[in-house]
Amino acid sequence: MAEKVAGLSKLWEEAKYNFAYFDHLPGFDWDKLYLEYLPKVQATTSTLAYFRLLQQFYAQLHDGHTGVWANGGPLADST
């Protein structure tokens, strides 16, 4: 579980310091979203569910150039 939290934390940190368009998302609270996703990440029961949740987290940025991929490519629908 610690690795999952560390993964979410790394994604949060990378976007917090490198995502240039937070000013285009009025009322968006990246820190609050991170706190909302912590228990969700901890509750995932598979690697696929974990990566899909990370994708949902980054999708909140509404940026086509920002995403999460497992093993270097998009996630497949199968496990």
N, C-alpha and C. Protein backbone atom coordinates (compact mmCIF):
# COMPACT_ATOMS: atom_id res chain seq x y z
N MET A 1 0.82 -1.19 0.00
CA MET A 1 0.00 0.00 0.00
C MET A 1 0.87 1.25 0.00
N ALA A 2 2.00 1.21 0.66
CA ALA A 2 2.88 2.38 0.71
C ALA A 2 3.37 2.77 -0.68
N GLU A 3 3.61 1.77 -1.54
CA GLU A 3 4.04 2.07 -2.91
C GLU A 3 2.95 2.78 -3.69
N LYS A 4 1.70 2.39 -3.46
CA LYS A 4 0.58 3.03 -4.16
C LYS A 4 0.47 4.50 -3.74
N VAL A 5 0.57 4.75 -2.46
CA VAL A 5 0.50 6.13 -1.96
C VAL A 5 1.68 6.93 -2.50
N ALA A 6 2.85 6.31 -2.53
CA ALA A 6 4.04 6.99 -3.06
C ALA A 6 3.85 7.33 -4.54
N GLY A 7 3.24 6.43 -5.30
CA GLY A 7 2.98 6.69 -6.71
C GLY A 7 2.04 7.86 -6.92
N LEU A 8 0.95 7.88 -6.17
CA LEU A 8 0.01 9.00 -6.25
C LEU A 8 0.70 10.29 -5.85
N SER A 9 1.49 10.24 -4.79
CA SER A 9 2.19 11.43 -4.30
C SER A 9 3.17 11.96 -5.34
N LYS A 10 3.85 11.07 -6.03
CA LYS A 10 4.79 11.50 -7.07
C LYS A 10 4.06 12.18 -8.22
N LEU A 11 2.93 11.61 -8.64
CA LEU A 11 2.15 12.24 -9.71
C LEU A 11 1.64 13.60 -9.28
N TRP A 12 1.13 13.69 -8.06
CA TRP A 12 0.63 14.96 -7.53
C TRP A 12 1.74 16.01 -7.54
N GLU A 13 2.91 15.61 -7.04
CA GLU A 13 4.04 16.54 -6.95
C GLU A 13 4.51 17.00 -8.33
N GLU A 14 4.62 16.08 -9.27
CA GLU A 14 5.07 16.44 -10.62
C GLU A 14 4.14 17.47 -11.25
N ALA A 15 2.84 17.24 -11.12
CA ALA A 15 1.89 18.19 -11.70
C ALA A 15 1.90 19.51 -10.93
N LYS A 16 1.98 19.44 -9.62
CA LYS A 16 1.95 20.65 -8.80
C LYS A 16 3.07 21.61 -9.21
N TYR A 17 4.24 21.07 -9.53
CA TYR A 17 5.38 21.93 -9.82
C TYR A 17 5.66 22.09 -11.31
N ASN A 18 5.03 21.29 -12.16
CA ASN A 18 5.35 21.36 -13.58
C ASN A 18 4.16 21.62 -14.50
N PHE A 19 2.94 21.46 -14.02
CA PHE A 19 1.76 21.68 -14.86
C PHE A 19 1.53 23.18 -14.97
N ALA A 20 1.54 23.68 -16.19
CA ALA A 20 1.53 25.13 -16.40
C ALA A 20 0.15 25.76 -16.49
N TYR A 21 -0.90 24.96 -16.44
CA TYR A 21 -2.23 25.50 -16.74
C TYR A 21 -3.21 25.50 -15.58
N PHE A 22 -2.73 25.46 -14.35
CA PHE A 22 -3.66 25.52 -13.22
C PHE A 22 -4.48 26.81 -13.25
N ASP A 23 -3.90 27.89 -13.79
CA ASP A 23 -4.64 29.15 -13.86
C ASP A 23 -5.80 29.09 -14.85
N HIS A 24 -5.83 28.07 -15.70
CA HIS A 24 -6.93 27.88 -16.64
C HIS A 24 -8.03 27.00 -16.06
N LEU A 25 -7.87 26.59 -14.81
CA LEU A 25 -8.85 25.75 -14.13
C LEU A 25 -9.36 26.50 -12.90
N PRO A 26 -10.20 27.52 -13.09
CA PRO A 26 -10.66 28.32 -11.96
C PRO A 26 -11.41 27.48 -10.93
N GLY A 27 -11.09 27.71 -9.68
CA GLY A 27 -11.74 26.98 -8.59
C GLY A 27 -11.22 25.57 -8.39
N PHE A 28 -10.24 25.17 -9.18
CA PHE A 28 -9.70 23.81 -9.09
C PHE A 28 -8.67 23.76 -7.97
N ASP A 29 -8.81 22.79 -7.08
CA ASP A 29 -7.90 22.65 -5.93
C ASP A 29 -7.17 21.32 -6.04
N TRP A 30 -5.97 21.36 -6.58
CA TRP A 30 -5.16 20.16 -6.81
C TRP A 30 -4.82 19.46 -5.49
N ASP A 31 -4.54 20.23 -4.46
CA ASP A 31 -4.21 19.65 -3.16
C ASP A 31 -5.41 18.92 -2.57
N LYS A 32 -6.59 19.51 -2.68
CA LYS A 32 -7.80 18.88 -2.17
C LYS A 32 -8.09 17.59 -2.92
N LEU A 33 -7.91 17.62 -4.24
CA LEU A 33 -8.13 16.42 -5.04
C LEU A 33 -7.18 15.30 -4.62
N TYR A 34 -5.94 15.65 -4.37
CA TYR A 34 -4.95 14.68 -3.89
C TYR A 34 -5.44 14.01 -2.61
N LEU A 35 -5.90 14.80 -1.66
CA LEU A 35 -6.39 14.26 -0.39
C LEU A 35 -7.62 13.37 -0.59
N GLU A 36 -8.46 13.71 -1.57
CA GLU A 36 -9.63 12.89 -1.87
C GLU A 36 -9.24 11.54 -2.47
N TYR A 37 -8.15 11.52 -3.23
CA TYR A 37 -7.73 10.29 -3.90
C TYR A 37 -6.89 9.37 -3.01
N LEU A 38 -6.33 9.87 -1.93
CA LEU A 38 -5.52 9.00 -1.05
C LEU A 38 -6.28 7.77 -0.58
N PRO A 39 -7.47 7.91 0.01
CA PRO A 39 -8.17 6.69 0.45
C PRO A 39 -8.63 5.81 -0.71
N LYS A 40 -8.91 6.41 -1.85
CA LYS A 40 -9.31 5.63 -3.02
C LYS A 40 -8.15 4.76 -3.49
N VAL A 41 -6.95 5.33 -3.52
CA VAL A 41 -5.76 4.58 -3.92
C VAL A 41 -5.50 3.45 -2.93
N GLN A 42 -5.63 3.73 -1.67
CA GLN A 42 -5.39 2.71 -0.65
C GLN A 42 -6.40 1.57 -0.73
N ALA A 43 -7.58 1.84 -1.26
CA ALA A 43 -8.63 0.83 -1.34
C ALA A 43 -8.57 -0.02 -2.61
N THR A 44 -7.69 0.32 -3.56
CA THR A 44 -7.62 -0.48 -4.79
C THR A 44 -7.15 -1.89 -4.47
N THR A 45 -7.71 -2.86 -5.19
CA THR A 45 -7.41 -4.26 -4.90
C THR A 45 -6.60 -4.95 -6.00
N SER A 46 -6.28 -4.20 -7.05
CA SER A 46 -5.46 -4.78 -8.12
C SER A 46 -4.60 -3.69 -8.74
N THR A 47 -3.58 -4.12 -9.43
CA THR A 47 -2.70 -3.17 -10.12
C THR A 47 -3.47 -2.42 -11.19
N LEU A 48 -4.33 -3.12 -11.91
CA LEU A 48 -5.13 -2.47 -12.96
C LEU A 48 -6.04 -1.40 -12.36
N ALA A 49 -6.71 -1.72 -11.27
CA ALA A 49 -7.59 -0.74 -10.61
C ALA A 49 -6.79 0.47 -10.13
N TYR A 50 -5.60 0.22 -9.63
CA TYR A 50 -4.73 1.29 -9.16
C TYR A 50 -4.35 2.23 -10.32
N PHE A 51 -3.89 1.67 -11.43
CA PHE A 51 -3.50 2.51 -12.56
C PHE A 51 -4.68 3.23 -13.17
N ARG A 52 -5.82 2.60 -13.20
CA ARG A 52 -7.02 3.29 -13.72
C ARG A 52 -7.40 4.46 -12.82
N LEU A 53 -7.24 4.30 -11.52
CA LEU A 53 -7.54 5.40 -10.61
C LEU A 53 -6.54 6.55 -10.81
N LEU A 54 -5.28 6.22 -11.03
CA LEU A 54 -4.29 7.26 -11.31
C LEU A 54 -4.64 7.99 -12.61
N GLN A 55 -5.14 7.26 -13.59
CA GLN A 55 -5.57 7.90 -14.84
C GLN A 55 -6.72 8.87 -14.57
N GLN A 56 -7.66 8.45 -13.74
CA GLN A 56 -8.79 9.33 -13.39
C GLN A 56 -8.30 10.58 -12.68
N PHE A 57 -7.32 10.41 -11.81
CA PHE A 57 -6.74 11.53 -11.07
C PHE A 57 -6.16 12.56 -12.03
N TYR A 58 -5.32 12.11 -12.96
CA TYR A 58 -4.70 13.04 -13.91
C TYR A 58 -5.70 13.57 -14.93
N ALA A 59 -6.75 12.83 -15.22
CA ALA A 59 -7.76 13.30 -16.16
C ALA A 59 -8.45 14.57 -15.65
N GLN A 60 -8.41 14.79 -14.35
CA GLN A 60 -9.02 15.99 -13.78
C GLN A 60 -8.31 17.26 -14.25
N LEU A 61 -7.10 17.11 -14.79
CA LEU A 61 -6.36 18.27 -15.30
C LEU A 61 -6.88 18.71 -16.68
N HIS A 62 -7.65 17.87 -17.33
CA HIS A 62 -8.23 18.18 -18.65
C HIS A 62 -7.15 18.63 -19.63
N ASP A 63 -6.09 17.84 -19.70
CA ASP A 63 -4.97 18.15 -20.59
C ASP A 63 -4.60 16.90 -21.38
N GLY A 64 -4.70 16.96 -22.69
CA GLY A 64 -4.42 15.82 -23.53
C GLY A 64 -2.97 15.38 -23.55
N HIS A 65 -2.08 16.20 -23.01
CA HIS A 65 -0.66 15.86 -22.99
C HIS A 65 -0.21 15.29 -21.65
N THR A 66 -1.14 15.12 -20.74
CA THR A 66 -0.82 14.64 -19.40
C THR A 66 -1.61 13.37 -19.15
N GLY A 67 -0.91 12.30 -18.78
CA GLY A 67 -1.61 11.05 -18.54
C GLY A 67 -0.76 10.05 -17.79
N VAL A 68 -1.35 8.90 -17.54
CA VAL A 68 -0.68 7.81 -16.82
C VAL A 68 -0.77 6.56 -17.68
N TRP A 69 0.35 5.90 -17.88
CA TRP A 69 0.40 4.67 -18.64
C TRP A 69 1.14 3.62 -17.83
N ALA A 70 0.68 2.39 -17.90
CA ALA A 70 1.35 1.27 -17.24
C ALA A 70 2.27 0.59 -18.25
N ASN A 71 3.45 0.25 -17.83
CA ASN A 71 4.40 -0.46 -18.68
C ASN A 71 4.65 0.24 -20.00
N GLY A 72 4.63 1.56 -19.99
CA GLY A 72 4.99 2.32 -21.16
C GLY A 72 3.90 2.53 -22.20
N GLY A 73 2.69 2.03 -21.95
CA GLY A 73 1.61 2.21 -22.92
C GLY A 73 0.27 2.36 -22.24
N PRO A 74 -0.74 2.70 -23.01
CA PRO A 74 -2.08 2.83 -22.43
C PRO A 74 -2.55 1.51 -21.83
N LEU A 75 -3.41 1.59 -20.86
CA LEU A 75 -3.93 0.39 -20.22
C LEU A 75 -4.95 -0.30 -21.12
N ALA A 76 -4.84 -1.59 -21.19
CA ALA A 76 -5.80 -2.38 -21.95
C ALA A 76 -7.04 -2.63 -21.10
N ASP A 77 -8.12 -3.03 -21.74
CA ASP A 77 -9.34 -3.32 -21.00
C ASP A 77 -9.29 -4.64 -20.26
N SER A 78 -8.37 -5.51 -20.61
CA SER A 78 -8.27 -6.80 -19.93
C SER A 78 -7.27 -6.73 -18.79
N THR A 79 -7.33 -7.70 -17.90
CA THR A 79 -6.41 -7.72 -16.75
C THR A 79 -5.21 -8.57 -17.01
